[in-house]
Amino acid sequence: MIRLLYFSQATYLISNEHVQQILEASRRNNPAVGVTGILVHGGGLFMQVLEGPEQAVLRLYVKILDDNRHSNSEIIYITPTDKRIFENWSMGSINCSDALRFEQIKMLQSQRKEVVSTKVFTDVMHAFLKMLNADQLHKS
């Protein structure tokens, strides 16, 4: 199993409807191939974490590369893993409209040309998991 994190830029102004279409397709298709993850979006930027069997994640990423709603996709972090962070999320979603959430993404993006430490990456992913779970509680 692997975990892959990538960033990309929206090719045009992405509406909430576009994001919902992406999420609906992900939530419909990911369970069948064993993929879980999170999509963070806002400010013309996408960040997505995909977790699952190596071939399934890589096939999905290649499919994502062909999606014309975004461009300039860069893998920031990829690692083998035996434990999922987003195990309960076929595709979680966080809208990065507030500055604190966006700063975490910017911090990872600024390190993209360097080796991102496992601890820094894991800490940011766990912070996103807490946000997802908190958002879910507020919706209940």
C-alpha atoms as a PDB file:
ATOM      1  CA  MET A   1       0.000   0.000   0.000  1.00  0.00           C
ATOM      2  CA  ILE A   2       1.169   3.559  -0.707  1.00  0.00           C
ATOM      3  CA  ARG A   3       0.230   7.130   0.172  1.00  0.00           C
ATOM      4  CA  LEU A   4       0.580   9.807  -2.506  1.00  0.00           C
ATOM      5  CA  LEU A   5       0.181  13.569  -2.079  1.00  0.00           C
ATOM      6  CA  TYR A   6       0.005  15.894  -5.052  1.00  0.00           C
ATOM      7  CA  PHE A   7      -0.701  19.572  -5.682  1.00  0.00           C
ATOM      8  CA  SER A   8      -2.203  21.051  -8.802  1.00  0.00           C
ATOM      9  CA  GLN A   9      -3.660  24.338  -9.994  1.00  0.00           C
ATOM     10  CA  ALA A  10      -7.192  24.827 -11.225  1.00  0.00           C
ATOM     11  CA  THR A  11      -7.237  25.629 -14.945  1.00  0.00           C
ATOM     12  CA  TYR A  12     -10.280  27.857 -14.522  1.00  0.00           C
ATOM     13  CA  LEU A  13     -12.428  29.102 -11.721  1.00  0.00           C
ATOM     14  CA  ILE A  14     -13.630  25.906 -10.073  1.00  0.00           C
ATOM     15  CA  SER A  15     -17.149  26.181  -8.739  1.00  0.00           C
ATOM     16  CA  ASN A  16     -18.560  24.279  -5.793  1.00  0.00           C
ATOM     17  CA  GLU A  17     -20.510  22.257  -8.339  1.00  0.00           C
ATOM     18  CA  HIS A  18     -17.275  21.119 -10.027  1.00  0.00           C
ATOM     19  CA  VAL A  19     -15.798  20.113  -6.681  1.00  0.00           C
ATOM     20  CA  GLN A  20     -18.982  18.219  -5.793  1.00  0.00           C
ATOM     21  CA  GLN A  21     -18.777  16.336  -9.106  1.00  0.00           C
ATOM     22  CA  ILE A  22     -15.183  15.340  -8.340  1.00  0.00           C
ATOM     23  CA  LEU A  23     -16.130  14.216  -4.827  1.00  0.00           C
ATOM     24  CA  GLU A  24     -19.196  12.266  -5.969  1.00  0.00           C
ATOM     25  CA  ALA A  25     -17.171  10.383  -8.591  1.00  0.00           C
ATOM     26  CA  SER A  26     -14.403   9.667  -6.087  1.00  0.00           C
ATOM     27  CA  ARG A  27     -16.812   8.456  -3.417  1.00  0.00           C
ATOM     28  CA  ARG A  28     -18.566   6.246  -5.959  1.00  0.00           C
ATOM     29  CA  ASN A  29     -15.411   4.739  -7.533  1.00  0.00           C
ATOM     30  CA  ASN A  30     -12.722   4.641  -4.824  1.00  0.00           C
ATOM     31  CA  PRO A  31     -14.170   1.913  -2.562  1.00  0.00           C
ATOM     32  CA  ALA A  32     -14.134  -0.626  -5.423  1.00  0.00           C
ATOM     33  CA  VAL A  33     -10.366  -0.190  -5.878  1.00  0.00           C
ATOM     34  CA  GLY A  34      -9.503   0.200  -2.193  1.00  0.00           C
ATOM     35  CA  VAL A  35      -8.528   3.886  -2.333  1.00  0.00           C
ATOM     36  CA  THR A  36      -9.147   6.362   0.493  1.00  0.00           C
ATOM     37  CA  GLY A  37      -8.043   9.963   0.852  1.00  0.00           C
ATOM     38  CA  ILE A  38      -8.800  13.636   1.073  1.00  0.00           C
ATOM     39  CA  LEU A  39      -9.236  16.517  -1.365  1.00  0.00           C
ATOM     40  CA  VAL A  40      -8.290  19.963  -0.102  1.00  0.00           C
ATOM     41  CA  HIS A  41      -9.328  22.788  -2.411  1.00  0.00           C
ATOM     42  CA  GLY A  42      -9.410  26.568  -2.492  1.00  0.00           C
ATOM     43  CA  GLY A  43      -7.672  29.567  -3.945  1.00  0.00           C
ATOM     44  CA  GLY A  44      -7.237  27.880  -7.315  1.00  0.00           C
ATOM     45  CA  LEU A  45      -5.251  25.052  -5.726  1.00  0.00           C
ATOM     46  CA  PHE A  46      -5.954  21.380  -5.235  1.00  0.00           C
ATOM     47  CA  MET A  47      -4.136  19.115  -2.818  1.00  0.00           C
ATOM     48  CA  GLN A  48      -5.094  15.475  -2.746  1.00  0.00           C
ATOM     49  CA  VAL A  49      -3.891  12.522  -0.717  1.00  0.00           C
ATOM     50  CA  LEU A  50      -4.582   9.065  -2.100  1.00  0.00           C
ATOM     51  CA  GLU A  51      -4.007   5.912  -0.034  1.00  0.00           C
ATOM     52  CA  GLY A  52      -4.378   2.328  -1.159  1.00  0.00           C
ATOM     53  CA  PRO A  53      -2.865  -0.485  -3.189  1.00  0.00           C
ATOM     54  CA  GLU A  54       0.080   0.814  -5.195  1.00  0.00           C
ATOM     55  CA  GLN A  55      -1.291  -0.039  -8.641  1.00  0.00           C
ATOM     56  CA  ALA A  56      -4.750   1.376  -7.828  1.00  0.00           C
ATOM     57  CA  VAL A  57      -3.316   4.665  -6.538  1.00  0.00           C
ATOM     58  CA  LEU A  58      -0.940   5.055  -9.489  1.00  0.00           C
ATOM     59  CA  ARG A  59      -3.680   4.248 -12.025  1.00  0.00           C
ATOM     60  CA  LEU A  60      -5.961   6.783 -10.364  1.00  0.00           C
ATOM     61  CA  TYR A  61      -3.219   9.429 -10.372  1.00  0.00           C
ATOM     62  CA  VAL A  62      -2.616   8.883 -14.110  1.00  0.00           C
ATOM     63  CA  LYS A  63      -6.365   9.304 -14.676  1.00  0.00           C
ATOM     64  CA  ILE A  64      -6.298  12.496 -12.580  1.00  0.00           C
ATOM     65  CA  LEU A  65      -3.476  13.850 -14.753  1.00  0.00           C
ATOM     66  CA  ASP A  66      -5.828  13.694 -17.748  1.00  0.00           C
ATOM     67  CA  ASP A  67      -8.511  15.775 -15.981  1.00  0.00           C
ATOM     68  CA  ASN A  68      -8.660  19.177 -17.697  1.00  0.00           C
ATOM     69  CA  ARG A  69     -10.020  20.947 -14.599  1.00  0.00           C
ATOM     70  CA  HIS A  70      -6.477  21.297 -13.311  1.00  0.00           C
ATOM     71  CA  SER A  71      -2.871  21.462 -14.486  1.00  0.00           C
ATOM     72  CA  ASN A  72       0.710  21.617 -13.207  1.00  0.00           C
ATOM     73  CA  SER A  73       0.246  18.550 -11.050  1.00  0.00           C
ATOM     74  CA  GLU A  74       3.279  17.733  -8.902  1.00  0.00           C
ATOM     75  CA  ILE A  75       3.762  14.755  -6.634  1.00  0.00           C
ATOM     76  CA  ILE A  76       5.003  16.199  -3.348  1.00  0.00           C
ATOM     77  CA  TYR A  77       5.166  13.054  -1.273  1.00  0.00           C
ATOM     78  CA  ILE A  78       4.868   9.335  -1.959  1.00  0.00           C
ATOM     79  CA  THR A  79       5.644   6.599   0.508  1.00  0.00           C
ATOM     80  CA  PRO A  80       4.889   2.980   1.239  1.00  0.00           C
ATOM     81  CA  THR A  81       2.602   2.595   4.234  1.00  0.00           C
ATOM     82  CA  ASP A  82       0.886  -0.153   6.131  1.00  0.00           C
ATOM     83  CA  LYS A  83      -1.647   2.084   7.881  1.00  0.00           C
ATOM     84  CA  ARG A  84      -4.134   4.517   6.396  1.00  0.00           C
ATOM     85  CA  ILE A  85      -4.644   7.991   7.842  1.00  0.00           C
ATOM     86  CA  PHE A  86      -7.977   8.493   6.044  1.00  0.00           C
ATOM     87  CA  GLU A  87      -9.298   4.940   6.411  1.00  0.00           C
ATOM     88  CA  ASN A  88     -12.887   6.084   6.987  1.00  0.00           C
ATOM     89  CA  TRP A  89     -12.967   8.461   4.007  1.00  0.00           C
ATOM     90  CA  SER A  90     -13.491   7.225   0.433  1.00  0.00           C
ATOM     91  CA  MET A  91     -12.764  10.894  -0.287  1.00  0.00           C
ATOM     92  CA  GLY A  92     -12.883  13.520   2.417  1.00  0.00           C
ATOM     93  CA  SER A  93     -13.134  17.166   1.473  1.00  0.00           C
ATOM     94  CA  ILE A  94     -11.822  20.346   3.041  1.00  0.00           C
ATOM     95  CA  ASN A  95     -12.502  23.749   1.543  1.00  0.00           C
ATOM     96  CA  CYS A  96      -9.478  25.892   2.269  1.00  0.00           C
ATOM     97  CA  SER A  97     -11.277  29.152   2.545  1.00  0.00           C
ATOM     98  CA  ASP A  98      -9.768  30.004   5.918  1.00  0.00           C
ATOM     99  CA  ALA A  99      -6.157  31.130   6.189  1.00  0.00           C
ATOM    100  CA  LEU A 100      -5.017  28.566   8.800  1.00  0.00           C
ATOM    101  CA  ARG A 101      -5.940  25.595   6.638  1.00  0.00           C
ATOM    102  CA  PHE A 102      -4.388  27.171   3.562  1.00  0.00           C
ATOM    103  CA  GLU A 103      -1.140  27.896   5.422  1.00  0.00           C
ATOM    104  CA  GLN A 104      -0.649  24.183   6.101  1.00  0.00           C
ATOM    105  CA  ILE A 105      -0.895  23.498   2.395  1.00  0.00           C
ATOM    106  CA  LYS A 106       1.452  26.360   1.541  1.00  0.00           C
ATOM    107  CA  MET A 107       3.995  25.006   4.042  1.00  0.00           C
ATOM    108  CA  LEU A 108       4.029  21.602   2.343  1.00  0.00           C
ATOM    109  CA  GLN A 109       4.088  23.177  -1.105  1.00  0.00           C
ATOM    110  CA  SER A 110       7.070  25.362  -0.175  1.00  0.00           C
ATOM    111  CA  GLN A 111       9.028  22.224   0.692  1.00  0.00           C
ATOM    112  CA  ARG A 112       8.211  20.441  -2.565  1.00  0.00           C
ATOM    113  CA  LYS A 113      11.743  20.817  -3.926  1.00  0.00           C
ATOM    114  CA  GLU A 114      13.201  19.385  -0.723  1.00  0.00           C
ATOM    115  CA  VAL A 115      12.662  16.149   1.104  1.00  0.00           C
ATOM    116  CA  VAL A 116       9.507  16.554   3.162  1.00  0.00           C
ATOM    117  CA  SER A 117      10.117  14.943   6.535  1.00  0.00           C
ATOM    118  CA  THR A 118       7.817  12.100   7.479  1.00  0.00           C
ATOM    119  CA  LYS A 119       6.928  13.797  10.773  1.00  0.00           C
ATOM    120  CA  VAL A 120       5.971  17.099   9.122  1.00  0.00           C
ATOM    121  CA  PHE A 121       3.876  15.293   6.529  1.00  0.00           C
ATOM    122  CA  THR A 122       2.179  13.052   9.089  1.00  0.00           C
ATOM    123  CA  ASP A 123       1.455  15.975  11.413  1.00  0.00           C
ATOM    124  CA  VAL A 124      -0.227  17.930   8.608  1.00  0.00           C
ATOM    125  CA  MET A 125      -2.240  14.875   7.518  1.00  0.00           C
ATOM    126  CA  HIS A 126      -3.435  14.260  11.085  1.00  0.00           C
ATOM    127  CA  ALA A 127      -4.411  17.930  11.365  1.00  0.00           C
ATOM    128  CA  PHE A 128      -6.500  17.534   8.206  1.00  0.00           C
ATOM    129  CA  LEU A 129      -8.066  14.359   9.624  1.00  0.00           C
ATOM    130  CA  LYS A 130      -9.081  16.282  12.744  1.00  0.00           C
ATOM    131  CA  MET A 131     -10.622  18.985  10.536  1.00  0.00           C
ATOM    132  CA  LEU A 132     -12.535  16.368   8.551  1.00  0.00           C
ATOM    133  CA  ASN A 133     -13.853  14.738  11.690  1.00  0.00           C
ATOM    134  CA  ALA A 134     -14.783  18.097  13.231  1.00  0.00           C
ATOM    135  CA  ASP A 135     -16.555  19.164  10.021  1.00  0.00           C
ATOM    136  CA  GLN A 136     -18.454  15.860  10.032  1.00  0.00           C
ATOM    137  CA  LEU A 137     -19.586  16.437  13.629  1.00  0.00           C
ATOM    138  CA  HIS A 138     -20.839  19.930  12.747  1.00  0.00           C
ATOM    139  CA  LYS A 139     -22.863  18.530   9.846  1.00  0.00           C
ATOM    140  CA  SER A 140     -24.517  15.884  12.054  1.00  0.00           C
END
